[in-house]
């Protein structure tokens, strides 16, 4: 076929580097898909200088004129982002290149500003009072928005149901309290429209683009220590074998006892295991909370065993953290390892998310499920061919289950090429997406799964909260087309991933630019059609 008409242009603004060549100024786009330079009008540079990163607004789009001659794009500089090596310029480029909304509308800011700093008596109506329950938050050192708090206690067999929600049965009572964002962000209001457009918060190495204004994300909705906060609770009974025979959802008011970090909790648990609960130790510092933390860890062990029995895939990926100096320049890149505290919270959140999906499914209320389908036949064939070269085989025939992936991963975990094999296995799977059609979660080996635990930073979680509230009130929540919402939220998630991945790649290149010519030891971490990826040791 032949293109006969351009109906709409994909770009009205382009971010790139400004260059001078003789009397002409032009911009080379940061987006490699835009292969043409943009000429800058003679009086269109403003205060921008050669070499700076700018945003140029196109006044002439590329095309072909009536004489079949190619017309070059032309524009005017409308924004100067800074010099190419200025701290933070890589984030500014990514925001504009991926069209990430990063400024809140005036109506959204005004709505956030109208909420009082403290809870009102009317806010507590119809809520269970959990302020005497010693819930705690456990997050990273730099976290500012706290979505979730947890509490765990042992339940003795045949114990009676109590006022605070504990139910009869052997095992544990697990309480996961999640910030009640839906109390403040109502369907169709300015904050809702803004958060829906964003879809999620975006976490860059040195900057966060929140889904909600900071007054809510770091304030009213954040479960900060020693302040009253509204929450939605998933109150679960967990058996000694890690099964969840019962749960209950309800709105509540809570008061976090402490803001703990993963490092703190992991150290306290390790000290307690080693019997170092006296003297100067992490266990001693958290002495009052240590019994509950140990109970959480015991619960985690039961849930983890159930997870392994279920056959869920557990990819052990190595993440990195970027360390910046006082001037905001990249000083170091360090590995970040998942410790026991990370795993405890992860299992607690998985449990609450599964209960949320089960609750909505049983009550036949539509929702956005987090679905993850197995590999396509084409990907599966490619994976099996690759594995043959290593003398390995994936079980399960033409329709392998998560258990088959898990078994293979377990068999190669001590091999020197485990990182490569793990990457290849991961890439054979499809991406997880949001959809109202529940087809299960292949990787986690769940028949149903949704996101409930992060409504401050994920719009699908906010929708799930509203749906759960609607069921509790005997109503139905209809936000529009669930299919369109699922597609939109999946796209905003991919957009955020692409932007953060690009910024991280830029920072890694910046870090290595002064080490050109040096030799490093490493291992192949991935193989693609265009070459290989190598993970460097000790960098």
Protein backbone atom coordinates (compact mmCIF):
# COMPACT_ATOMS: atom_id res chain seq x y z
CA UNK A 1 0.00 0.00 0.00
CA UNK A 2 0.87 3.68 -0.28
CA UNK A 3 0.49 6.38 2.38
CA UNK A 4 -1.98 8.89 0.96
CA UNK A 5 -2.54 11.18 3.95
CA UNK A 6 -1.11 11.91 7.39
CA UNK A 7 -4.11 12.21 9.73
CA UNK A 8 -2.27 13.11 12.94
CA UNK A 9 1.32 13.84 13.89
CA UNK A 10 3.05 11.83 16.59
CA UNK A 11 5.24 14.67 17.83
CA UNK A 12 4.58 18.35 18.32
CA UNK A 13 7.62 18.81 20.60
CA UNK A 14 11.05 17.21 20.50
CA UNK A 15 13.69 17.02 23.24
CA UNK A 16 17.33 16.99 22.20
CA UNK A 17 20.75 18.61 22.07
CA UNK A 18 21.17 22.02 20.44
CA UNK A 19 24.04 22.32 17.95
CA UNK A 20 25.50 25.15 15.87
CA UNK A 21 26.94 24.65 12.42
CA UNK A 22 28.01 27.90 10.83
CA UNK A 23 25.01 30.21 10.85
CA UNK A 24 22.54 27.41 11.46
CA UNK A 25 21.22 25.94 14.72
CA UNK A 26 19.62 22.52 14.86
CA UNK A 27 18.44 19.98 17.46
CA UNK A 28 19.41 16.30 17.47
CA UNK A 29 16.57 14.37 19.08
CA UNK A 30 17.18 12.27 22.21
CA UNK A 31 14.61 9.82 20.85
CA UNK A 32 16.56 7.60 18.45
CA UNK A 33 13.39 6.88 16.51
CA UNK A 34 13.44 10.49 15.31
CA UNK A 35 16.27 10.31 12.79
CA UNK A 36 15.95 13.82 11.31
CA UNK A 37 17.53 16.87 12.91
CA UNK A 38 15.17 19.77 13.62
CA UNK A 39 16.27 23.10 12.19
CA UNK A 40 15.77 26.02 14.57
CA UNK A 41 14.24 29.18 13.14
CA UNK A 42 16.69 32.11 12.92
CA UNK A 43 15.11 33.90 15.88
CA UNK A 44 13.93 30.73 17.60
CA UNK A 45 16.77 29.86 19.99
CA UNK A 46 15.97 32.37 22.74
CA UNK A 47 18.62 32.15 25.48
CA UNK A 48 19.65 28.59 24.57
CA UNK A 49 23.33 27.92 23.85
CA UNK A 50 25.18 25.41 21.72
CA UNK A 51 25.43 22.03 23.47
CA UNK A 52 22.50 22.53 25.83
CA UNK A 53 19.53 20.17 26.11
CA UNK A 54 16.34 21.87 24.95
CA UNK A 55 12.72 21.27 24.05
CA UNK A 56 11.82 22.49 20.58
CA UNK A 57 8.25 23.05 19.41
CA UNK A 58 7.77 22.08 15.77
CA UNK A 59 6.48 24.84 13.53
CA UNK A 60 7.06 22.82 10.34
CA UNK A 61 6.53 19.07 10.30
CA UNK A 62 8.69 16.82 8.08
CA UNK A 63 7.04 15.83 4.85
CA UNK A 64 7.04 16.07 1.09
CA UNK A 65 5.90 19.19 -0.81
CA UNK A 66 3.99 19.41 -4.08
CA UNK A 67 7.25 18.99 -6.04
CA UNK A 68 8.03 15.75 -4.19
CA UNK A 69 10.90 17.48 -2.41
CA UNK A 70 11.56 16.52 1.22
CA UNK A 71 10.70 19.19 3.77
CA UNK A 72 12.88 19.25 6.88
CA UNK A 73 11.28 19.74 10.30
CA UNK A 74 11.68 23.19 11.79
CA UNK A 75 10.87 24.65 15.19
CA UNK A 76 11.49 27.06 18.04
CA UNK A 77 13.18 26.43 21.38
CA UNK A 78 10.53 26.68 24.10
CA UNK A 79 12.45 25.25 27.06
CA UNK A 80 16.08 24.98 28.14
CA UNK A 81 16.63 21.92 30.35
CA UNK A 82 20.32 22.58 31.04
CA UNK A 83 23.71 21.24 30.04
CA UNK A 84 23.98 17.60 29.04
CA UNK A 85 25.95 16.63 32.16
CA UNK A 86 23.96 18.68 34.72
CA UNK A 87 22.70 16.57 37.65
CA UNK A 88 19.10 15.53 37.00
CA UNK A 89 18.98 16.52 33.34
CA UNK A 90 18.57 12.85 32.37
CA UNK A 91 15.28 12.77 34.31
CA UNK A 92 14.06 15.98 32.65
CA UNK A 93 14.78 14.44 29.24
CA UNK A 94 12.94 11.21 30.10
CA UNK A 95 9.89 13.06 31.40
CA UNK A 96 9.42 14.89 28.12
CA UNK A 97 10.55 12.14 25.79
CA UNK A 98 8.05 9.68 27.27
CA UNK A 99 5.39 12.36 27.80
CA UNK A 100 5.08 11.66 31.52
CA UNK A 101 2.71 14.08 33.29
CA UNK A 102 4.82 15.75 35.98
CA UNK A 103 2.94 18.90 36.96
CA UNK A 104 -0.41 18.72 38.77
CA UNK A 105 -3.35 20.70 37.44
CA UNK A 106 -4.59 23.67 39.44
CA UNK A 107 -7.93 21.94 40.26
CA UNK A 108 -6.06 18.87 41.57
CA UNK A 109 -3.72 20.99 43.71
CA UNK A 110 -6.68 23.00 45.01
CA UNK A 111 -8.59 19.86 45.98
CA UNK A 112 -5.56 18.43 47.82
CA UNK A 113 -5.06 21.75 49.60
CA UNK A 114 -8.62 21.80 50.95
CA UNK A 115 -8.19 18.67 53.10
CA UNK A 116 -7.40 19.37 56.77
CA UNK A 117 -4.06 18.16 58.13
CA UNK A 118 -5.72 15.98 60.79
CA UNK A 119 -8.61 13.54 60.74
CA UNK A 120 -12.07 14.83 61.58
CA UNK A 121 -14.66 13.01 63.67
CA UNK A 122 -16.79 12.52 60.56
CA UNK A 123 -13.89 10.66 58.88
CA UNK A 124 -14.08 7.94 61.54
CA UNK A 125 -17.73 7.07 60.99
CA UNK A 126 -18.32 3.40 60.20
CA UNK A 127 -14.69 2.41 60.80
CA UNK A 128 -13.14 -0.21 63.04
CA UNK A 129 -10.78 1.42 65.57
CA UNK A 130 -7.37 -0.30 65.34
CA UNK A 131 -5.38 2.44 67.04
CA UNK A 132 -4.47 0.11 69.92
CA UNK A 133 -3.12 -2.55 67.54
CA UNK A 134 0.70 -2.24 67.19
CA UNK A 135 0.84 -2.01 63.40
CA UNK A 136 4.20 -1.03 61.89
CA UNK A 137 5.48 -0.01 58.46
CA UNK A 138 8.60 -1.63 56.96
CA UNK A 139 10.07 0.11 53.91
CA UNK A 140 13.33 1.23 52.32
CA UNK A 141 15.54 3.89 53.91
CA UNK A 142 14.62 6.58 51.38
CA UNK A 143 10.86 5.85 51.17
CA UNK A 144 8.50 8.74 51.91
CA UNK A 145 5.10 7.33 50.91
CA UNK A 146 4.03 4.49 53.18
CA UNK A 147 1.16 2.46 51.69
CA UNK A 148 1.06 -0.47 54.06
CA UNK A 149 1.38 -1.52 57.69
CA UNK A 150 1.39 -5.03 59.13
CA UNK A 151 0.65 -6.87 62.36
CA UNK A 152 0.83 -10.56 63.20
CA UNK A 153 -0.14 -12.64 66.22
CA UNK A 154 -0.51 -16.32 66.93
CA UNK A 155 -4.00 -17.76 67.15
CA UNK A 156 -4.53 -20.67 69.50
CA UNK A 157 -6.83 -23.50 68.40
CA UNK A 158 -10.50 -23.03 69.31
CA UNK A 159 -9.97 -19.45 70.49
CA UNK A 160 -13.12 -17.37 70.38
CA UNK A 161 -13.63 -14.50 68.00
CA UNK A 162 -12.60 -11.26 69.63
CA UNK A 163 -13.73 -7.67 69.33
CA UNK A 164 -10.57 -6.64 67.49
CA UNK A 165 -11.28 -9.08 64.65
CA UNK A 166 -9.26 -12.18 65.51
CA UNK A 167 -11.07 -15.37 64.58
CA UNK A 168 -11.04 -18.91 65.92
CA UNK A 169 -8.60 -21.37 64.42
CA UNK A 170 -4.99 -22.53 64.61
CA UNK A 171 -2.14 -20.56 63.08
CA UNK A 172 -1.79 -16.80 62.72
CA UNK A 173 -3.79 -13.65 62.44
CA UNK A 174 -2.26 -11.37 59.82
CA UNK A 175 -3.51 -7.79 59.54
CA UNK A 176 -2.49 -5.82 56.45
CA UNK A 177 -3.63 -2.19 56.68
CA UNK A 178 -3.46 -0.19 53.46
CA UNK A 179 -3.77 3.59 53.15
CA UNK A 180 -7.38 4.50 52.35
CA UNK A 181 -6.72 6.73 49.36
CA UNK A 182 -10.27 6.20 48.06
CA UNK A 183 -11.60 8.24 51.01
CA UNK A 184 -9.88 11.33 49.60
CA UNK A 185 -9.78 10.61 45.86
CA UNK A 186 -13.35 10.08 44.69
CA UNK A 187 -14.46 8.94 41.25
CA UNK A 188 -14.52 11.79 38.73
CA UNK A 189 -13.00 14.51 40.92
CA UNK A 190 -9.88 16.46 39.81
CA UNK A 191 -7.51 14.25 41.81
CA UNK A 192 -9.08 11.14 40.31
CA UNK A 193 -8.75 12.43 36.75
CA UNK A 194 -5.13 13.40 37.40
CA UNK A 195 -4.18 10.08 39.00
CA UNK A 196 -5.98 8.14 36.26
CA UNK A 197 -3.99 9.97 33.58
CA UNK A 198 -0.71 9.22 35.36
CA UNK A 199 -1.63 5.61 36.14
CA UNK A 200 1.18 5.23 38.64
CA UNK A 201 4.02 6.98 40.40
CA UNK A 202 7.38 6.91 38.62
CA UNK A 203 10.49 6.22 40.69
CA UNK A 204 13.69 7.58 39.18
CA UNK A 205 17.02 7.11 41.01
CA UNK A 206 16.94 10.59 42.53
CA UNK A 207 13.43 11.82 41.93
CA UNK A 208 9.86 10.59 42.30
CA UNK A 209 7.00 11.70 40.07
CA UNK A 210 4.06 10.90 42.37
CA UNK A 211 0.62 9.81 41.21
CA UNK A 212 -0.88 12.08 43.89
CA UNK A 213 0.22 15.49 45.21
CA UNK A 214 2.69 15.27 48.09
CA UNK A 215 0.11 16.58 50.54
CA UNK A 216 -1.63 13.21 50.09
CA UNK A 217 1.17 10.83 48.99
CA UNK A 218 3.61 11.85 51.74
CA UNK A 219 1.01 13.29 54.14
CA UNK A 220 -2.66 12.45 54.68
CA UNK A 221 -2.55 9.10 52.88
CA UNK A 222 0.90 8.04 54.02
CA UNK A 223 0.96 5.77 57.08
CA UNK A 224 3.44 7.89 59.02
CA UNK A 225 4.34 6.88 62.59
CA UNK A 226 2.36 8.01 65.62
CA UNK A 227 -0.41 9.78 63.70
CA UNK A 228 -4.00 8.64 63.07
CA UNK A 229 -4.59 7.44 59.53
CA UNK A 230 -7.54 6.00 57.61
CA UNK A 231 -6.98 2.59 56.11
CA UNK A 232 -8.58 -0.37 54.37
CA UNK A 233 -7.80 -3.60 56.16
CA UNK A 234 -7.41 -7.18 55.03
CA UNK A 235 -7.65 -9.21 58.25
CA UNK A 236 -6.60 -12.80 57.56
CA UNK A 237 -6.38 -16.14 59.30
CA UNK A 238 -3.37 -18.15 58.11
CA UNK A 239 -2.94 -21.82 59.00
CA UNK A 240 0.29 -23.47 60.08
CA UNK A 241 0.62 -24.81 56.53
CA UNK A 242 0.39 -21.32 55.00
CA UNK A 243 -3.19 -21.57 53.73
CA UNK A 244 -5.69 -18.70 54.17
CA UNK A 245 -9.05 -20.24 55.16
CA UNK A 246 -10.64 -16.93 56.12
CA UNK A 247 -10.31 -13.18 55.72
CA UNK A 248 -12.30 -10.01 56.23
CA UNK A 249 -12.14 -6.57 54.62
CA UNK A 250 -13.18 -3.44 56.49
CA UNK A 251 -12.43 0.30 56.67
CA UNK A 252 -10.54 1.30 59.81
CA UNK A 253 -8.56 3.98 61.59
CA UNK A 254 -5.05 3.11 62.77
CA UNK A 255 -1.93 4.55 64.37
CA UNK A 256 1.42 3.17 63.26
CA UNK A 257 3.76 2.31 66.14
CA UNK A 258 6.98 2.71 64.15
CA UNK A 259 8.49 3.47 60.76
CA UNK A 260 10.96 0.61 60.33
CA UNK A 261 13.37 -0.11 57.50
CA UNK A 262 14.18 -3.43 55.81
CA UNK A 263 17.77 -3.13 57.02
CA UNK A 264 16.69 -2.54 60.64
CA UNK A 265 14.26 -5.45 60.71
CA UNK A 266 16.58 -7.90 58.95
CA UNK A 267 19.40 -7.02 61.37
CA UNK A 268 17.11 -7.38 64.40
CA UNK A 269 15.89 -10.79 63.23
CA UNK A 270 19.45 -11.95 62.54
CA UNK A 271 20.64 -10.73 65.96
CA UNK A 272 17.75 -12.46 67.70
CA UNK A 273 18.51 -15.71 65.85
CA UNK A 274 22.14 -15.46 66.92
CA UNK A 275 21.10 -14.81 70.52
CA UNK A 276 22.43 -11.24 70.50
CA UNK A 277 19.34 -9.65 72.00
CA UNK A 278 21.43 -8.03 74.71
CA UNK A 279 24.16 -5.46 74.43
CA UNK A 280 24.38 -3.05 71.52
CA UNK A 281 22.41 -4.80 68.81
CA UNK A 282 19.56 -4.21 66.35
CA UNK A 283 17.43 -6.67 68.34
CA UNK A 284 17.87 -4.61 71.48
CA UNK A 285 16.98 -1.37 69.65
CA UNK A 286 13.67 -2.93 68.53
CA UNK A 287 13.17 -4.86 71.77
CA UNK A 288 9.50 -3.86 72.26
CA UNK A 289 8.56 -4.83 68.70
CA UNK A 290 10.82 -7.87 68.39
CA UNK A 291 8.22 -10.53 69.38
CA UNK A 292 5.85 -9.27 66.68
CA UNK A 293 8.65 -9.12 64.09
CA UNK A 294 9.65 -12.69 64.95
CA UNK A 295 6.02 -13.73 64.60
CA UNK A 296 5.91 -12.07 61.17
CA UNK A 297 9.01 -13.98 60.18
CA UNK A 298 7.52 -17.26 61.37
CA UNK A 299 4.41 -16.50 59.33
CA UNK A 300 6.60 -15.69 56.32
CA UNK A 301 8.27 -19.11 56.56
CA UNK A 302 4.85 -20.82 56.42
CA UNK A 303 3.70 -18.68 53.48
CA UNK A 304 6.99 -19.25 51.66
CA UNK A 305 6.64 -23.02 52.06
CA UNK A 306 3.10 -22.81 50.66
CA UNK A 307 4.44 -20.72 47.78
CA UNK A 308 7.09 -23.34 46.97
CA UNK A 309 4.49 -26.12 47.18
CA UNK A 310 2.26 -24.10 44.83
CA UNK A 311 5.14 -23.95 42.36
CA UNK A 312 5.53 -20.17 42.05
CA UNK A 313 8.58 -18.94 40.13
CA UNK A 314 11.09 -17.04 42.24
CA UNK A 315 13.55 -15.09 40.10
CA UNK A 316 16.48 -13.84 42.19
CA UNK A 317 17.44 -10.65 40.36
CA UNK A 318 20.23 -8.33 41.45
CA UNK A 319 19.13 -4.71 41.71
CA UNK A 320 21.40 -1.69 41.90
CA UNK A 321 21.22 1.60 43.78
CA UNK A 322 22.75 4.87 42.62
CA UNK A 323 24.68 6.89 45.19
CA UNK A 324 24.97 10.63 44.64
CA UNK A 325 27.30 13.17 46.25
CA UNK A 326 26.33 16.46 47.91
CA UNK A 327 26.28 18.19 44.51
CA UNK A 328 23.90 15.63 43.04
CA UNK A 329 26.52 13.95 40.88
CA UNK A 330 26.71 10.17 40.60
CA UNK A 331 29.37 8.87 43.00
CA UNK A 332 28.83 5.12 43.02
CA UNK A 333 26.61 2.23 41.92
CA UNK A 334 26.09 -0.43 44.56
CA UNK A 335 24.22 -3.76 44.57
CA UNK A 336 21.02 -4.05 46.60
CA UNK A 337 20.16 -7.47 47.95
CA UNK A 338 16.77 -8.68 49.10
CA UNK A 339 16.99 -9.51 52.77
CA UNK A 340 14.59 -11.43 55.01
CA UNK A 341 12.56 -8.28 55.79
CA UNK A 342 11.89 -7.70 52.07
CA UNK A 343 10.64 -11.27 51.78
CA UNK A 344 8.40 -10.95 54.87
CA UNK A 345 6.61 -7.88 53.50
CA UNK A 346 6.39 -9.34 50.00
CA UNK A 347 4.57 -12.44 51.26
CA UNK A 348 2.21 -10.34 53.42
CA UNK A 349 1.31 -8.19 50.41
CA UNK A 350 0.83 -11.23 48.16
CA UNK A 351 -1.57 -12.70 50.73
CA UNK A 352 -3.65 -9.50 50.89
CA UNK A 353 -3.71 -9.17 47.09
CA UNK A 354 -4.94 -12.75 46.66
CA UNK A 355 -7.68 -12.19 49.24
CA UNK A 356 -8.77 -9.02 47.42
CA UNK A 357 -9.10 -10.85 44.10
CA UNK A 358 -10.92 -13.74 45.78
CA UNK A 359 -13.31 -11.33 47.52
CA UNK A 360 -14.24 -9.53 44.30
CA UNK A 361 -14.53 -12.74 42.31
CA UNK A 362 -16.76 -14.43 44.88
CA UNK A 363 -18.99 -11.36 44.99
CA UNK A 364 -19.07 -11.25 41.17
CA UNK A 365 -17.91 -7.64 41.08
CA UNK A 366 -15.84 -6.59 38.04
CA UNK A 367 -12.29 -5.46 38.74
CA UNK A 368 -8.85 -5.16 37.22
CA UNK A 369 -6.96 -8.40 37.75
CA UNK A 370 -3.21 -8.60 37.50
CA UNK A 371 -2.87 -11.32 34.90
CA UNK A 372 0.21 -13.13 33.69
CA UNK A 373 -0.11 -15.65 30.91
CA UNK A 374 2.30 -18.50 30.20
CA UNK A 375 4.76 -18.52 27.28
CA UNK A 376 3.58 -18.55 23.68
CA UNK A 377 4.37 -21.63 21.59
CA UNK A 378 6.92 -19.62 19.60
CA UNK A 379 8.74 -18.40 22.73
CA UNK A 380 8.56 -21.89 24.24
CA UNK A 381 10.16 -23.45 21.16
CA UNK A 382 12.93 -20.85 21.19
CA UNK A 383 13.55 -21.43 24.90
CA UNK A 384 13.79 -25.21 24.51
CA UNK A 385 16.28 -24.83 21.62
CA UNK A 386 18.41 -22.49 23.73
CA UNK A 387 18.34 -24.80 26.76
CA UNK A 388 19.41 -27.80 24.65
CA UNK A 389 22.76 -26.10 24.08
CA UNK A 390 23.30 -26.20 27.85
CA UNK A 391 22.14 -29.80 28.24
CA UNK A 392 18.97 -28.62 29.99
CA UNK A 393 15.28 -29.23 29.43
CA UNK A 394 12.10 -27.56 30.62
CA UNK A 395 9.43 -30.04 31.74
CA UNK A 396 5.71 -29.76 31.14
CA UNK A 397 5.53 -30.57 27.45
CA UNK A 398 3.63 -28.09 25.28
CA UNK A 399 1.92 -26.47 28.27
CA UNK A 400 4.47 -26.10 31.08
CA UNK A 401 3.36 -24.82 34.45
CA UNK A 402 5.10 -22.43 36.81
CA UNK A 403 6.29 -25.50 38.75
CA UNK A 404 8.30 -26.63 35.73
CA UNK A 405 10.06 -23.26 35.55
CA UNK A 406 10.65 -23.33 39.32
CA UNK A 407 12.18 -26.81 39.20
CA UNK A 408 14.55 -25.82 36.39
CA UNK A 409 15.59 -22.64 38.22
CA UNK A 410 16.25 -24.63 41.36
CA UNK A 411 18.44 -27.09 39.45
CA UNK A 412 20.70 -24.36 37.99
CA UNK A 413 20.95 -21.95 40.94
CA UNK A 414 24.56 -23.00 41.75
CA UNK A 415 25.83 -22.83 38.17
CA UNK A 416 28.15 -19.97 37.15
CA UNK A 417 25.84 -19.15 34.22
CA UNK A 418 22.71 -18.96 36.39
CA UNK A 419 22.21 -15.25 35.62
CA UNK A 420 22.10 -15.91 31.88
CA UNK A 421 19.76 -18.89 32.23
CA UNK A 422 17.47 -16.99 34.57
CA UNK A 423 17.27 -14.05 32.16
CA UNK A 424 16.42 -16.33 29.23
CA UNK A 425 13.70 -18.06 31.25
CA UNK A 426 12.27 -14.71 32.32
CA UNK A 427 12.21 -13.37 28.76
CA UNK A 428 10.32 -16.42 27.53
CA UNK A 429 7.31 -15.32 29.61
CA UNK A 430 4.77 -12.70 28.67
CA UNK A 431 4.52 -9.40 30.49
CA UNK A 432 1.99 -9.12 33.29
CA UNK A 433 -0.87 -6.71 32.50
CA UNK A 434 -4.12 -5.43 33.99
CA UNK A 435 -7.36 -6.87 32.66
CA UNK A 436 -10.96 -7.44 33.82
CA UNK A 437 -10.72 -10.93 32.34
CA UNK A 438 -9.17 -13.18 34.97
CA UNK A 439 -6.86 -15.76 33.40
CA UNK A 440 -4.69 -16.23 36.50
CA UNK A 441 -1.09 -15.36 37.26
CA UNK A 442 1.35 -17.85 35.73
CA UNK A 443 4.51 -16.68 37.54
CA UNK A 444 2.97 -16.60 41.01
CA UNK A 445 0.92 -19.76 40.33
CA UNK A 446 -2.34 -18.12 41.42
CA UNK A 447 -5.74 -18.79 39.89
CA UNK A 448 -6.65 -15.17 40.58
CA UNK A 449 -4.60 -12.15 41.60
CA UNK A 450 -5.04 -8.40 41.78
CA UNK A 451 -3.25 -5.35 43.17
CA UNK A 452 -4.69 -3.96 46.41
CA UNK A 453 -1.69 -2.91 48.49
CA UNK A 454 -0.35 0.28 46.82
CA UNK A 455 -3.15 2.78 46.10
CA UNK A 456 -0.83 5.77 46.74
CA UNK A 457 1.28 4.85 43.73
CA UNK A 458 -0.89 2.61 41.49
CA UNK A 459 -4.26 3.55 40.03
CA UNK A 460 -5.44 -0.10 39.61
CA UNK A 461 -5.12 -0.53 43.39
CA UNK A 462 -7.30 2.53 43.93
CA UNK A 463 -9.95 1.02 41.63
CA UNK A 464 -9.82 -2.25 43.59
CA UNK A 465 -10.32 -0.37 46.87
CA UNK A 466 -13.41 1.33 45.46
CA UNK A 467 -14.77 -1.99 44.20
CA UNK A 468 -14.25 -3.64 47.62
CA UNK A 469 -15.97 -0.72 49.36
CA UNK A 470 -18.87 -0.95 46.94
CA UNK A 471 -19.34 -4.65 47.74
CA UNK A 472 -19.20 -3.95 51.49
CA UNK A 473 -21.91 -1.32 51.03
CA UNK A 474 -24.07 -3.56 48.83
CA UNK A 475 -23.41 -1.40 45.76
CA UNK A 476 -21.66 -1.67 42.40
CA UNK A 477 -18.74 0.48 41.29
CA UNK A 478 -18.81 1.44 37.61
CA UNK A 479 -15.77 3.55 36.62
CA UNK A 480 -16.38 3.14 32.89
CA UNK A 481 -14.94 0.48 30.59
CA UNK A 482 -12.85 -1.90 32.69
CA UNK A 483 -11.19 -3.13 29.47
CA UNK A 484 -10.06 0.40 28.54
CA UNK A 485 -8.89 1.06 32.10
CA UNK A 486 -6.85 -2.14 32.09
CA UNK A 487 -5.25 -1.26 28.78
CA UNK A 488 -4.50 2.31 29.92
CA UNK A 489 -2.96 1.25 33.25
CA UNK A 490 -0.83 -1.38 31.52
CA UNK A 491 0.41 1.26 29.07
CA UNK A 492 1.26 3.80 31.78
CA UNK A 493 3.16 1.08 33.64
CA UNK A 494 5.20 0.25 30.52
CA UNK A 495 5.79 3.97 29.94
CA UNK A 496 7.15 4.38 33.47
CA UNK A 497 9.35 1.27 33.13
CA UNK A 498 10.79 2.50 29.82
CA UNK A 499 11.54 5.95 31.27
CA UNK A 500 13.22 4.65 34.44
CA UNK A 501 15.21 2.04 32.50
CA UNK A 502 16.45 4.76 30.15
CA UNK A 503 17.53 7.01 33.02
CA UNK A 504 19.34 4.14 34.74
CA UNK A 505 21.15 3.28 31.50
CA UNK A 506 22.19 6.94 31.10
CA UNK A 507 23.56 7.05 34.66
CA UNK A 508 25.51 3.81 34.15
CA UNK A 509 27.08 5.23 30.98
CA UNK A 510 27.93 8.45 32.82
CA UNK A 511 29.53 6.45 35.63
CA UNK A 512 31.69 4.45 33.19
CA UNK A 513 32.72 7.29 30.87
CA UNK A 514 35.97 7.93 32.75
CA UNK A 515 36.87 4.22 32.70
CA UNK A 516 37.05 3.72 28.95
CA UNK A 517 39.98 1.44 28.12
CA UNK A 518 39.94 -0.40 31.44
CA UNK A 519 39.40 -4.14 31.55
CA UNK A 520 36.78 -5.80 33.75
CA UNK A 521 35.74 -9.33 34.56
CA UNK A 522 32.09 -10.19 34.06
CA UNK A 523 29.58 -12.80 33.01
CA UNK A 524 27.16 -12.91 30.11
CA UNK A 525 23.73 -12.02 31.47
CA UNK A 526 21.67 -12.04 28.27
CA UNK A 527 21.91 -12.97 24.59
CA UNK A 528 19.94 -11.09 21.93
CA UNK A 529 19.79 -10.98 18.14
CA UNK A 530 22.11 -7.95 18.10
CA UNK A 531 24.69 -9.13 20.64
CA UNK A 532 25.20 -9.92 24.31
CA UNK A 533 24.80 -8.18 27.66
CA UNK A 534 27.59 -8.55 30.20
CA UNK A 535 27.19 -8.00 33.94
CA UNK A 536 30.49 -6.60 35.28
CA UNK A 537 31.84 -8.00 38.53
CA UNK A 538 32.77 -5.53 41.24
CA UNK A 539 31.32 -2.45 39.52
